[in-house]
Amino acid sequence: MRMRMWLRKYRKTKGLSQKEVAEKANITHQFYNYIENGLRRPSYEVAKKIASILDFDWTLFFEVNENASQPHNKRR
């Protein structure tokens, strides 16, 4: 996996640090860092929490082209 630039962009757009997102998602800062840097894939539950915090569709974590650099709009 490669770094999830789209995830970083969502986080920065919300003005949050990795630590803040991790705390809100009830995961460790280290685990969030691994997720954002493409070293780990979150569970469905964690993906949904992070997506809710950053306001995007949680299924982006599981799309074939998840490493795209452009953020996607939240699906309704």
Protein backbone atom coordinates (compact mmCIF):
# COMPACT_ATOMS: atom_id res chain seq x y z
CA MET A 1 0.00 0.00 0.00
CA ARG A 2 1.03 3.59 -0.56
CA MET A 3 0.37 6.69 1.46
CA ARG A 4 -3.27 7.75 1.43
CA MET A 5 -2.84 11.36 0.34
CA TRP A 6 -6.61 11.74 0.02
CA LEU A 7 -6.99 10.88 3.71
CA ARG A 8 -4.37 13.40 4.71
CA LYS A 9 -6.18 16.07 2.65
CA TYR A 10 -9.48 15.36 4.38
CA ARG A 11 -7.80 15.58 7.79
CA LYS A 12 -6.01 18.83 6.98
CA THR A 13 -9.19 20.34 5.52
CA LYS A 14 -10.84 19.74 8.89
CA GLY A 15 -7.85 21.32 10.64
CA LEU A 16 -7.17 18.21 12.71
CA SER A 17 -3.93 16.52 13.68
CA GLN A 18 -3.42 12.78 13.39
CA LYS A 19 -3.58 12.58 17.18
CA GLU A 20 -6.94 14.40 17.27
CA VAL A 21 -8.48 12.09 14.66
CA ALA A 22 -7.12 9.05 16.51
CA GLU A 23 -8.60 10.23 19.81
CA LYS A 24 -11.99 10.91 18.24
CA ALA A 25 -11.94 7.48 16.54
CA ASN A 26 -10.85 5.81 19.79
CA ILE A 27 -7.69 4.31 18.25
CA THR A 28 -4.02 4.94 18.96
CA HIS A 29 -2.17 7.73 17.24
CA GLN A 30 0.30 5.14 15.94
CA PHE A 31 -2.46 3.06 14.34
CA TYR A 32 -3.98 6.13 12.69
CA ASN A 33 -0.53 7.06 11.39
CA TYR A 34 -0.18 3.56 9.90
CA ILE A 35 -3.59 3.90 8.25
CA GLU A 36 -2.82 7.32 6.76
CA ASN A 37 0.60 6.17 5.56
CA GLY A 38 -0.86 3.08 3.91
CA LEU A 39 0.83 0.59 6.21
CA ARG A 40 -2.43 -0.77 7.62
CA ARG A 41 -6.02 -1.03 6.44
CA PRO A 42 -8.67 -0.18 9.03
CA SER A 43 -11.47 -2.52 10.02
CA TYR A 44 -14.92 -1.58 8.74
CA GLU A 45 -15.77 -0.18 12.16
CA VAL A 46 -12.68 2.03 12.33
CA ALA A 47 -13.09 3.10 8.69
CA LYS A 48 -16.64 4.23 9.48
CA LYS A 49 -15.47 6.20 12.55
CA ILE A 50 -12.69 7.98 10.66
CA ALA A 51 -14.98 8.72 7.72
CA SER A 52 -17.60 10.15 10.05
CA ILE A 53 -15.03 12.41 11.71
CA LEU A 54 -13.59 13.64 8.41
CA ASP A 55 -16.88 13.60 6.46
CA PHE A 56 -16.30 11.20 3.58
CA ASP A 57 -17.66 7.85 2.43
CA TRP A 58 -16.00 5.09 4.50
CA THR A 59 -15.89 2.72 1.53
CA LEU A 60 -13.05 4.78 0.05
CA PHE A 61 -10.69 2.74 2.22
CA PHE A 62 -11.66 -0.37 0.31
CA GLU A 63 -11.78 0.89 -3.27
CA VAL A 64 -9.27 -0.46 -5.76
CA ASN A 65 -7.79 2.99 -6.38
CA GLU A 66 -7.78 4.09 -2.75
CA ASN A 67 -4.40 5.78 -3.13
CA ALA A 68 -5.67 8.47 -5.47
CA SER A 69 -4.37 11.88 -4.50
CA GLN A 70 -7.67 13.71 -5.01
CA PRO A 71 -10.32 13.58 -2.27
CA HIS A 72 -13.70 12.18 -3.22
CA ASN A 73 -16.99 13.78 -2.33
CA LYS A 74 -19.08 12.11 0.33
CA ARG A 75 -21.68 9.89 -1.27
CA ARG A 76 -25.26 10.40 -0.26
